[in-house]
Amino acid sequence: MKNIIALLLIVLISVSCQNESKKISNLELDSIKKEINKIVNSWHKAAAEANFEGYFGLMDSVSVFIGTDASENWNKNKFQAFSKPYFDKGKAWDFETLERNIYVNSSGEFVWFDELLRTWMGTCRGSGVLEKIENSWKIKHYVLSVSIPNEDINRVITIKKKNDSIFLKKFN
């Protein structure tokens, strides 16, 4: 019985020490946040400059982009196919970041963020997830949404009611 208790104690201490070693310092946290800001800014800049390789090179091979239309839930390959004609014309889209909040998991391997954007559609919100893969950050998931002031939501609901009913038929 004493041997089992001793073994359990050793395992618990070992696991505890491993968990402690995975936590990042405040200095590392600040460094990660600066790096993520630089990456996401570069990503937006690549779109504004129609740099197809620069834009999609920052996305993971299994990434997802969710656009403002309810049908826009694309894996990377589908998003590339949709976007290519825009990039080929010399300008895809230009998003100016107004503010960004970045959050880092305790091991420093995953990051998620939200941002407020000025776009051709007006004010939008973006949110995303990045993962550190072999010392390089890759965008795994991004969601773009048009922000609608609360006082305008009823008018927007009315405007989109017809298209929503058509779109939702495929789920019935």
N, C-alpha and C. Protein backbone atom coordinates (compact mmCIF):
# COMPACT_ATOMS: atom_id res chain seq x y z
N MET A 1 0.82 -1.20 0.00
CA MET A 1 0.00 0.00 0.00
C MET A 1 0.86 1.26 0.00
N LYS A 2 1.94 1.22 0.83
CA LYS A 2 2.84 2.38 0.88
C LYS A 2 3.51 2.61 -0.47
N ASN A 3 3.82 1.50 -1.16
CA ASN A 3 4.45 1.62 -2.48
C ASN A 3 3.53 2.28 -3.49
N ILE A 4 2.24 1.95 -3.44
CA ILE A 4 1.26 2.53 -4.35
C ILE A 4 1.11 4.02 -4.07
N ILE A 5 1.02 4.39 -2.81
CA ILE A 5 0.90 5.80 -2.43
C ILE A 5 2.14 6.57 -2.87
N ALA A 6 3.30 5.99 -2.65
CA ALA A 6 4.55 6.64 -3.06
C ALA A 6 4.60 6.82 -4.58
N LEU A 7 4.18 5.80 -5.31
CA LEU A 7 4.17 5.87 -6.77
C LEU A 7 3.19 6.96 -7.25
N LEU A 8 2.01 7.00 -6.65
CA LEU A 8 1.04 8.03 -7.01
C LEU A 8 1.58 9.43 -6.72
N LEU A 9 2.24 9.58 -5.59
CA LEU A 9 2.82 10.86 -5.21
C LEU A 9 3.89 11.29 -6.22
N ILE A 10 4.73 10.36 -6.65
CA ILE A 10 5.77 10.65 -7.64
C ILE A 10 5.13 11.07 -8.96
N VAL A 11 4.08 10.36 -9.38
CA VAL A 11 3.40 10.68 -10.64
C VAL A 11 2.78 12.08 -10.55
N LEU A 12 2.09 12.38 -9.44
CA LEU A 12 1.47 13.70 -9.27
C LEU A 12 2.51 14.81 -9.28
N ILE A 13 3.61 14.63 -8.62
CA ILE A 13 4.66 15.64 -8.60
C ILE A 13 5.24 15.82 -10.00
N SER A 14 5.45 14.73 -10.69
CA SER A 14 6.00 14.77 -12.05
C SER A 14 5.07 15.52 -12.98
N VAL A 15 3.77 15.21 -12.93
CA VAL A 15 2.79 15.88 -13.78
C VAL A 15 2.71 17.35 -13.43
N SER A 16 2.74 17.67 -12.16
CA SER A 16 2.69 19.05 -11.70
C SER A 16 3.88 19.83 -12.22
N CYS A 17 5.06 19.25 -12.15
CA CYS A 17 6.27 19.92 -12.64
C CYS A 17 6.21 20.12 -14.15
N GLN A 18 5.68 19.14 -14.87
CA GLN A 18 5.57 19.28 -16.32
C GLN A 18 4.61 20.40 -16.68
N ASN A 19 3.49 20.51 -15.98
CA ASN A 19 2.53 21.57 -16.25
C ASN A 19 3.13 22.94 -15.96
N GLU A 20 3.91 23.05 -14.89
CA GLU A 20 4.54 24.31 -14.55
C GLU A 20 5.53 24.73 -15.63
N SER A 21 6.25 23.78 -16.19
CA SER A 21 7.28 24.12 -17.19
C SER A 21 6.65 24.59 -18.50
N LYS A 22 5.40 24.30 -18.74
CA LYS A 22 4.75 24.70 -19.98
C LYS A 22 4.22 26.13 -19.92
N LYS A 23 4.13 26.73 -18.75
CA LYS A 23 3.60 28.09 -18.63
C LYS A 23 4.61 29.10 -19.14
N ILE A 24 4.11 30.10 -19.84
CA ILE A 24 5.00 31.10 -20.41
C ILE A 24 5.12 32.31 -19.48
N SER A 25 6.23 32.99 -19.58
CA SER A 25 6.47 34.17 -18.75
C SER A 25 5.76 35.39 -19.36
N ASN A 26 5.67 36.46 -18.59
CA ASN A 26 5.08 37.70 -19.10
C ASN A 26 5.88 38.26 -20.27
N LEU A 27 7.19 38.10 -20.21
CA LEU A 27 8.05 38.56 -21.30
C LEU A 27 7.75 37.77 -22.59
N GLU A 28 7.59 36.45 -22.45
CA GLU A 28 7.24 35.62 -23.60
C GLU A 28 5.85 35.98 -24.13
N LEU A 29 4.93 36.24 -23.21
CA LEU A 29 3.57 36.62 -23.58
C LEU A 29 3.58 37.90 -24.42
N ASP A 30 4.32 38.90 -23.96
CA ASP A 30 4.41 40.16 -24.70
C ASP A 30 5.04 39.93 -26.08
N SER A 31 6.05 39.10 -26.13
CA SER A 31 6.74 38.80 -27.40
C SER A 31 5.79 38.10 -28.38
N ILE A 32 5.02 37.16 -27.87
CA ILE A 32 4.05 36.44 -28.72
C ILE A 32 3.01 37.41 -29.26
N LYS A 33 2.49 38.27 -28.40
CA LYS A 33 1.47 39.23 -28.84
C LYS A 33 2.00 40.16 -29.92
N LYS A 34 3.24 40.62 -29.77
CA LYS A 34 3.85 41.48 -30.80
C LYS A 34 4.00 40.71 -32.11
N GLU A 35 4.42 39.47 -32.02
CA GLU A 35 4.60 38.64 -33.22
C GLU A 35 3.26 38.40 -33.92
N ILE A 36 2.22 38.13 -33.14
CA ILE A 36 0.89 37.89 -33.72
C ILE A 36 0.37 39.16 -34.39
N ASN A 37 0.55 40.31 -33.74
CA ASN A 37 0.14 41.57 -34.35
C ASN A 37 0.83 41.75 -35.70
N LYS A 38 2.10 41.49 -35.75
CA LYS A 38 2.87 41.63 -36.98
C LYS A 38 2.35 40.68 -38.06
N ILE A 39 2.07 39.45 -37.69
CA ILE A 39 1.59 38.45 -38.65
C ILE A 39 0.21 38.83 -39.20
N VAL A 40 -0.71 39.18 -38.32
CA VAL A 40 -2.07 39.51 -38.79
C VAL A 40 -2.04 40.80 -39.60
N ASN A 41 -1.23 41.78 -39.19
CA ASN A 41 -1.08 43.00 -40.00
C ASN A 41 -0.51 42.67 -41.37
N SER A 42 0.47 41.78 -41.43
CA SER A 42 1.05 41.37 -42.72
C SER A 42 0.02 40.65 -43.58
N TRP A 43 -0.82 39.87 -42.94
CA TRP A 43 -1.87 39.12 -43.65
C TRP A 43 -2.84 40.10 -44.31
N HIS A 44 -3.30 41.08 -43.53
CA HIS A 44 -4.21 42.08 -44.09
C HIS A 44 -3.52 42.90 -45.19
N LYS A 45 -2.25 43.24 -45.00
CA LYS A 45 -1.51 44.01 -45.99
C LYS A 45 -1.35 43.23 -47.28
N ALA A 46 -1.09 41.93 -47.17
CA ALA A 46 -0.95 41.09 -48.36
C ALA A 46 -2.23 41.10 -49.19
N ALA A 47 -3.38 41.09 -48.53
CA ALA A 47 -4.65 41.17 -49.27
C ALA A 47 -4.78 42.52 -49.97
N ALA A 48 -4.46 43.60 -49.26
CA ALA A 48 -4.58 44.94 -49.84
C ALA A 48 -3.65 45.12 -51.04
N GLU A 49 -2.51 44.43 -51.02
CA GLU A 49 -1.54 44.52 -52.11
C GLU A 49 -1.70 43.41 -53.14
N ALA A 50 -2.74 42.60 -53.00
CA ALA A 50 -3.01 41.47 -53.90
C ALA A 50 -1.83 40.51 -53.97
N ASN A 51 -1.22 40.26 -52.84
CA ASN A 51 -0.10 39.33 -52.73
C ASN A 51 -0.67 37.96 -52.34
N PHE A 52 -1.07 37.20 -53.34
CA PHE A 52 -1.74 35.91 -53.13
C PHE A 52 -0.88 34.97 -52.29
N GLU A 53 0.39 34.80 -52.66
CA GLU A 53 1.27 33.89 -51.92
C GLU A 53 1.51 34.38 -50.50
N GLY A 54 1.72 35.68 -50.35
CA GLY A 54 1.94 36.24 -49.02
C GLY A 54 0.73 36.06 -48.11
N TYR A 55 -0.46 36.21 -48.68
CA TYR A 55 -1.69 36.08 -47.91
C TYR A 55 -1.94 34.63 -47.52
N PHE A 56 -1.96 33.75 -48.51
CA PHE A 56 -2.30 32.36 -48.22
C PHE A 56 -1.15 31.59 -47.58
N GLY A 57 0.07 32.11 -47.71
CA GLY A 57 1.20 31.49 -47.05
C GLY A 57 1.15 31.60 -45.54
N LEU A 58 0.39 32.56 -45.03
CA LEU A 58 0.25 32.72 -43.58
C LEU A 58 -0.86 31.84 -43.00
N MET A 59 -1.62 31.19 -43.87
CA MET A 59 -2.70 30.31 -43.43
C MET A 59 -2.23 28.86 -43.43
N ASP A 60 -2.67 28.11 -42.44
CA ASP A 60 -2.35 26.69 -42.36
C ASP A 60 -3.05 25.94 -43.49
N SER A 61 -2.50 24.80 -43.87
CA SER A 61 -3.08 24.01 -44.96
C SER A 61 -4.50 23.55 -44.65
N VAL A 62 -4.84 23.43 -43.38
CA VAL A 62 -6.19 23.00 -42.99
C VAL A 62 -6.98 24.15 -42.36
N SER A 63 -6.69 25.37 -42.77
CA SER A 63 -7.37 26.53 -42.18
C SER A 63 -8.78 26.69 -42.74
N VAL A 64 -9.55 27.51 -42.04
CA VAL A 64 -10.93 27.81 -42.40
C VAL A 64 -11.12 29.32 -42.40
N PHE A 65 -11.82 29.83 -43.41
CA PHE A 65 -12.19 31.25 -43.46
C PHE A 65 -13.70 31.32 -43.56
N ILE A 66 -14.30 32.04 -42.62
CA ILE A 66 -15.75 32.23 -42.62
C ILE A 66 -16.03 33.68 -42.94
N GLY A 67 -16.70 33.91 -44.06
CA GLY A 67 -16.99 35.26 -44.52
C GLY A 67 -18.30 35.80 -44.01
N THR A 68 -18.70 36.93 -44.56
CA THR A 68 -19.89 37.62 -44.08
C THR A 68 -21.20 37.02 -44.59
N ASP A 69 -21.15 36.30 -45.69
CA ASP A 69 -22.34 35.65 -46.23
C ASP A 69 -22.51 34.30 -45.53
N ALA A 70 -23.73 33.90 -45.27
CA ALA A 70 -23.99 32.64 -44.55
C ALA A 70 -23.42 31.42 -45.29
N SER A 71 -23.22 31.53 -46.59
CA SER A 71 -22.69 30.40 -47.36
C SER A 71 -21.16 30.34 -47.33
N GLU A 72 -20.52 31.35 -46.80
CA GLU A 72 -19.06 31.45 -46.87
C GLU A 72 -18.37 30.78 -45.68
N ASN A 73 -18.23 29.49 -45.77
CA ASN A 73 -17.49 28.69 -44.79
C ASN A 73 -16.53 27.83 -45.61
N TRP A 74 -15.32 28.37 -45.82
CA TRP A 74 -14.39 27.78 -46.76
C TRP A 74 -13.18 27.16 -46.10
N ASN A 75 -12.77 25.99 -46.59
CA ASN A 75 -11.44 25.50 -46.24
C ASN A 75 -10.45 26.31 -47.09
N LYS A 76 -9.17 26.15 -46.84
CA LYS A 76 -8.17 26.98 -47.53
C LYS A 76 -8.25 26.85 -49.04
N ASN A 77 -8.38 25.63 -49.56
CA ASN A 77 -8.42 25.44 -51.01
C ASN A 77 -9.61 26.15 -51.65
N LYS A 78 -10.77 26.04 -51.03
CA LYS A 78 -11.97 26.70 -51.57
C LYS A 78 -11.85 28.21 -51.46
N PHE A 79 -11.27 28.69 -50.37
CA PHE A 79 -11.09 30.12 -50.20
C PHE A 79 -10.09 30.67 -51.23
N GLN A 80 -9.05 29.90 -51.50
CA GLN A 80 -8.09 30.31 -52.52
C GLN A 80 -8.77 30.40 -53.89
N ALA A 81 -9.58 29.42 -54.22
CA ALA A 81 -10.28 29.41 -55.51
C ALA A 81 -11.23 30.61 -55.62
N PHE A 82 -11.95 30.90 -54.54
CA PHE A 82 -12.86 32.05 -54.54
C PHE A 82 -12.07 33.36 -54.68
N SER A 83 -10.95 33.47 -53.99
CA SER A 83 -10.20 34.72 -53.89
C SER A 83 -9.30 35.00 -55.08
N LYS A 84 -8.86 33.98 -55.78
CA LYS A 84 -7.86 34.14 -56.84
C LYS A 84 -8.23 35.21 -57.86
N PRO A 85 -9.46 35.26 -58.37
CA PRO A 85 -9.79 36.31 -59.35
C PRO A 85 -9.62 37.73 -58.79
N TYR A 86 -9.91 37.92 -57.51
CA TYR A 86 -9.73 39.24 -56.90
C TYR A 86 -8.25 39.60 -56.84
N PHE A 87 -7.43 38.66 -56.39
CA PHE A 87 -6.00 38.89 -56.33
C PHE A 87 -5.42 39.12 -57.72
N ASP A 88 -5.90 38.37 -58.71
CA ASP A 88 -5.41 38.52 -60.08
C ASP A 88 -5.72 39.89 -60.67
N LYS A 89 -6.79 40.53 -60.19
CA LYS A 89 -7.15 41.87 -60.67
C LYS A 89 -6.30 42.97 -60.03
N GLY A 90 -5.47 42.61 -59.06
CA GLY A 90 -4.56 43.59 -58.48
C GLY A 90 -4.96 44.14 -57.12
N LYS A 91 -6.17 43.81 -56.65
CA LYS A 91 -6.56 44.25 -55.31
C LYS A 91 -7.66 43.32 -54.79
N ALA A 92 -7.40 42.73 -53.66
CA ALA A 92 -8.40 41.85 -53.08
C ALA A 92 -9.30 42.68 -52.15
N TRP A 93 -8.89 42.92 -50.94
CA TRP A 93 -9.64 43.73 -49.99
C TRP A 93 -8.65 44.42 -49.07
N ASP A 94 -9.10 45.49 -48.48
CA ASP A 94 -8.22 46.31 -47.65
C ASP A 94 -8.90 46.53 -46.30
N PHE A 95 -8.40 45.86 -45.28
CA PHE A 95 -8.95 45.99 -43.93
C PHE A 95 -7.97 46.76 -43.07
N GLU A 96 -8.45 47.85 -42.48
CA GLU A 96 -7.63 48.63 -41.55
C GLU A 96 -8.01 48.24 -40.13
N THR A 97 -7.05 47.78 -39.37
CA THR A 97 -7.30 47.38 -37.99
C THR A 97 -7.40 48.62 -37.11
N LEU A 98 -8.51 48.74 -36.40
CA LEU A 98 -8.72 49.84 -35.46
C LEU A 98 -8.30 49.45 -34.05
N GLU A 99 -8.57 48.20 -33.69
CA GLU A 99 -8.11 47.66 -32.40
C GLU A 99 -8.06 46.15 -32.50
N ARG A 100 -7.20 45.57 -31.68
CA ARG A 100 -7.07 44.11 -31.68
C ARG A 100 -6.77 43.65 -30.26
N ASN A 101 -7.43 42.59 -29.84
CA ASN A 101 -7.19 41.94 -28.55
C ASN A 101 -6.64 40.56 -28.83
N ILE A 102 -5.53 40.23 -28.18
CA ILE A 102 -4.86 38.95 -28.42
C ILE A 102 -4.80 38.18 -27.11
N TYR A 103 -5.12 36.90 -27.19
CA TYR A 103 -5.13 36.02 -26.02
C TYR A 103 -4.24 34.81 -26.33
N VAL A 104 -3.47 34.38 -25.35
CA VAL A 104 -2.50 33.31 -25.55
C VAL A 104 -2.77 32.21 -24.52
N ASN A 105 -2.74 30.94 -24.97
CA ASN A 105 -2.92 29.86 -23.99
C ASN A 105 -1.66 29.74 -23.13
N SER A 106 -1.75 29.01 -22.05
CA SER A 106 -0.68 28.96 -21.05
C SER A 106 0.62 28.39 -21.58
N SER A 107 0.57 27.54 -22.60
CA SER A 107 1.81 26.97 -23.15
C SER A 107 2.40 27.83 -24.26
N GLY A 108 1.65 28.83 -24.71
CA GLY A 108 2.14 29.70 -25.78
C GLY A 108 2.10 29.08 -27.15
N GLU A 109 1.28 28.03 -27.33
CA GLU A 109 1.21 27.34 -28.62
C GLU A 109 -0.03 27.70 -29.44
N PHE A 110 -1.04 28.28 -28.78
CA PHE A 110 -2.26 28.70 -29.45
C PHE A 110 -2.56 30.14 -29.08
N VAL A 111 -3.08 30.87 -30.05
CA VAL A 111 -3.45 32.26 -29.85
C VAL A 111 -4.82 32.47 -30.48
N TRP A 112 -5.65 33.27 -29.86
CA TRP A 112 -6.90 33.68 -30.48
C TRP A 112 -7.00 35.18 -30.32
N PHE A 113 -7.71 35.81 -31.24
CA PHE A 113 -7.79 37.27 -31.22
C PHE A 113 -9.13 37.72 -31.77
N ASP A 114 -9.46 38.95 -31.44
CA ASP A 114 -10.59 39.62 -32.07
C ASP A 114 -10.11 41.00 -32.48
N GLU A 115 -10.71 41.53 -33.51
CA GLU A 115 -10.29 42.83 -34.01
C GLU A 115 -11.47 43.61 -34.57
N LEU A 116 -11.36 44.91 -34.46
CA LEU A 116 -12.32 45.84 -35.04
C LEU A 116 -11.67 46.39 -36.29
N LEU A 117 -12.41 46.38 -37.41
CA LEU A 117 -11.83 46.73 -38.71
C LEU A 117 -12.62 47.81 -39.42
N ARG A 118 -11.91 48.66 -40.16
CA ARG A 118 -12.54 49.58 -41.11
C ARG A 118 -12.37 48.92 -42.48
N THR A 119 -13.49 48.70 -43.18
CA THR A 119 -13.45 48.01 -44.47
C THR A 119 -14.35 48.73 -45.46
N TRP A 120 -14.36 48.25 -46.69
CA TRP A 120 -15.27 48.79 -47.71
C TRP A 120 -16.73 48.54 -47.34
N MET A 121 -16.97 47.58 -46.42
CA MET A 121 -18.32 47.26 -45.97
C MET A 121 -18.72 48.10 -44.76
N GLY A 122 -17.83 48.98 -44.32
CA GLY A 122 -18.03 49.73 -43.09
C GLY A 122 -17.28 49.03 -41.96
N THR A 123 -17.77 49.22 -40.76
CA THR A 123 -17.13 48.62 -39.60
C THR A 123 -17.42 47.13 -39.56
N CYS A 124 -16.36 46.35 -39.40
CA CYS A 124 -16.50 44.89 -39.30
C CYS A 124 -15.75 44.39 -38.07
N ARG A 125 -16.03 43.17 -37.73
CA ARG A 125 -15.29 42.46 -36.67
C ARG A 125 -14.65 41.25 -37.31
N GLY A 126 -13.46 40.97 -36.86
CA GLY A 126 -12.78 39.75 -37.26
C GLY A 126 -12.33 39.02 -36.01
N SER A 127 -12.24 37.71 -36.11
CA SER A 127 -11.67 36.93 -35.01
C SER A 127 -10.96 35.74 -35.61
N GLY A 128 -9.90 35.32 -34.94
CA GLY A 128 -9.12 34.24 -35.51
C GLY A 128 -8.37 33.44 -34.47
N VAL A 129 -7.81 32.34 -34.96
CA VAL A 129 -7.00 31.44 -34.14
C VAL A 129 -5.72 31.15 -34.92
N LEU A 130 -4.60 31.19 -34.21
CA LEU A 130 -3.31 30.82 -34.79
C LEU A 130 -2.69 29.73 -33.94
N GLU A 131 -1.92 28.87 -34.58
CA GLU A 131 -1.20 27.81 -33.89
C GLU A 131 0.27 27.90 -34.28
N LYS A 132 1.13 27.68 -33.31
CA LYS A 132 2.56 27.63 -33.58
C LYS A 132 2.90 26.23 -34.04
N ILE A 133 3.36 26.12 -35.28
CA ILE A 133 3.70 24.84 -35.89
C ILE A 133 5.16 24.91 -36.33
N GLU A 134 6.00 24.11 -35.69
CA GLU A 134 7.44 24.09 -36.00
C GLU A 134 8.03 25.49 -36.01
N ASN A 135 7.83 26.22 -34.91
CA ASN A 135 8.37 27.58 -34.71
C ASN A 135 7.81 28.64 -35.66
N SER A 136 6.69 28.36 -36.31
CA SER A 136 6.07 29.32 -37.21
C SER A 136 4.58 29.39 -36.90
N TRP A 137 4.05 30.60 -36.78
CA TRP A 137 2.62 30.79 -36.52
C TRP A 137 1.84 30.67 -37.81
N LYS A 138 0.73 29.93 -37.77
CA LYS A 138 -0.15 29.78 -38.93
C LYS A 138 -1.59 30.10 -38.51
N ILE A 139 -2.28 30.82 -39.38
CA ILE A 139 -3.68 31.12 -39.14
C ILE A 139 -4.48 29.85 -39.40
N LYS A 140 -5.23 29.43 -38.41
CA LYS A 140 -6.02 28.21 -38.50
C LYS A 140 -7.49 28.49 -38.83
N HIS A 141 -7.98 29.63 -38.35
CA HIS A 141 -9.41 29.91 -38.43
C HIS A 141 -9.60 31.42 -38.39
N TYR A 142 -10.44 31.94 -39.27
CA TYR A 142 -10.75 33.37 -39.24
C TYR A 142 -12.22 33.56 -39.56
N VAL A 143 -12.85 34.45 -38.82
CA VAL A 143 -14.26 34.77 -39.03
C VAL A 143 -14.37 36.28 -39.23
N LEU A 144 -15.00 36.68 -40.33
CA LEU A 144 -15.26 38.09 -40.61
C LEU A 144 -16.75 38.33 -40.49
N SER A 145 -17.13 39.36 -39.76
CA SER A 145 -18.55 39.67 -39.64
C SER A 145 -18.77 41.17 -39.74
N VAL A 146 -19.87 41.52 -40.37
CA VAL A 146 -20.26 42.92 -40.49
C VAL A 146 -20.95 43.30 -39.19
N SER A 147 -20.50 44.38 -38.59
CA SER A 147 -21.16 44.80 -37.35
C SER A 147 -22.37 45.66 -37.71
N ILE A 148 -23.44 45.42 -36.99
CA ILE A 148 -24.69 46.13 -37.23
C ILE A 148 -25.10 46.81 -35.93
N PRO A 149 -25.26 48.13 -35.96
CA PRO A 149 -25.70 48.82 -34.74
C PRO A 149 -27.04 48.25 -34.26
N ASN A 150 -27.19 48.13 -32.96
CA ASN A 150 -28.41 47.55 -32.39
C ASN A 150 -29.67 48.26 -32.88
N GLU A 151 -29.59 49.58 -33.05
CA GLU A 151 -30.79 50.32 -33.48
C GLU A 151 -31.15 50.05 -34.94
N ASP A 152 -30.26 49.43 -35.70
CA ASP A 152 -30.52 49.12 -37.11
C ASP A 152 -30.86 47.66 -37.36
N ILE A 153 -30.78 46.83 -36.36
CA ILE A 153 -30.91 45.39 -36.58
C ILE A 153 -32.27 44.98 -37.15
N ASN A 154 -33.36 45.62 -36.73
CA ASN A 154 -34.67 45.24 -37.26
C ASN A 154 -34.78 45.51 -38.75
N ARG A 155 -34.21 46.61 -39.22
CA ARG A 155 -34.22 46.90 -40.66
C ARG A 155 -33.38 45.87 -41.42
N VAL A 156 -32.25 45.49 -40.86
CA VAL A 156 -31.40 44.50 -41.51
C VAL A 156 -32.10 43.15 -41.57
N ILE A 157 -32.76 42.77 -40.50
CA ILE A 157 -33.52 41.51 -40.49
C ILE A 157 -34.57 41.51 -41.60
N THR A 158 -35.27 42.61 -41.75
CA THR A 158 -36.28 42.72 -42.80
C THR A 158 -35.65 42.60 -44.18
N ILE A 159 -34.53 43.29 -44.39
CA ILE A 159 -33.86 43.28 -45.69
C ILE A 159 -33.40 41.88 -46.06
N LYS A 160 -32.90 41.11 -45.11
CA LYS A 160 -32.32 39.81 -45.44
C LYS A 160 -33.29 38.64 -45.28
N LYS A 161 -34.51 38.91 -44.89
CA LYS A 161 -35.50 37.84 -44.63
C LYS A 161 -35.69 36.93 -45.85
N LYS A 162 -35.86 37.51 -47.04
CA LYS A 162 -36.10 36.71 -48.25
C LYS A 162 -34.90 35.80 -48.54
N ASN A 163 -33.70 36.37 -48.56
CA ASN A 163 -32.51 35.56 -48.85
C ASN A 163 -32.27 34.50 -47.78
N ASP A 164 -32.52 34.84 -46.52
CA ASP A 164 -32.37 33.85 -45.44
C ASP A 164 -33.31 32.68 -45.65
N SER A 165 -34.55 32.95 -46.03
CA SER A 165 -35.51 31.85 -46.19
C SER A 165 -35.08 30.94 -47.34
N ILE A 166 -34.53 31.50 -48.40
CA ILE A 166 -34.03 30.69 -49.52
C ILE A 166 -32.83 29.86 -49.08
N PHE A 167 -31.89 30.50 -48.40
CA PHE A 167 -30.68 29.81 -47.94
C PHE A 167 -31.01 28.69 -46.95
N LEU A 168 -31.93 28.95 -46.03
CA LEU A 168 -32.25 27.98 -44.97
C LEU A 168 -33.02 26.76 -45.47
N LYS A 169 -33.58 26.83 -46.66
CA LYS A 169 -34.32 25.67 -47.22
C LYS A 169 -33.43 24.44 -47.30
N LYS A 170 -32.15 24.62 -47.53
CA LYS A 170 -31.27 23.45 -47.66
C LYS A 170 -31.04 22.73 -46.33
N PHE A 171 -31.46 23.34 -45.23
CA PHE A 171 -31.32 22.72 -43.92
C PHE A 171 -32.61 22.05 -43.43
N ASN A 172 -33.68 22.21 -44.19
CA ASN A 172 -34.96 21.60 -43.80
C ASN A 172 -35.07 20.17 -44.27
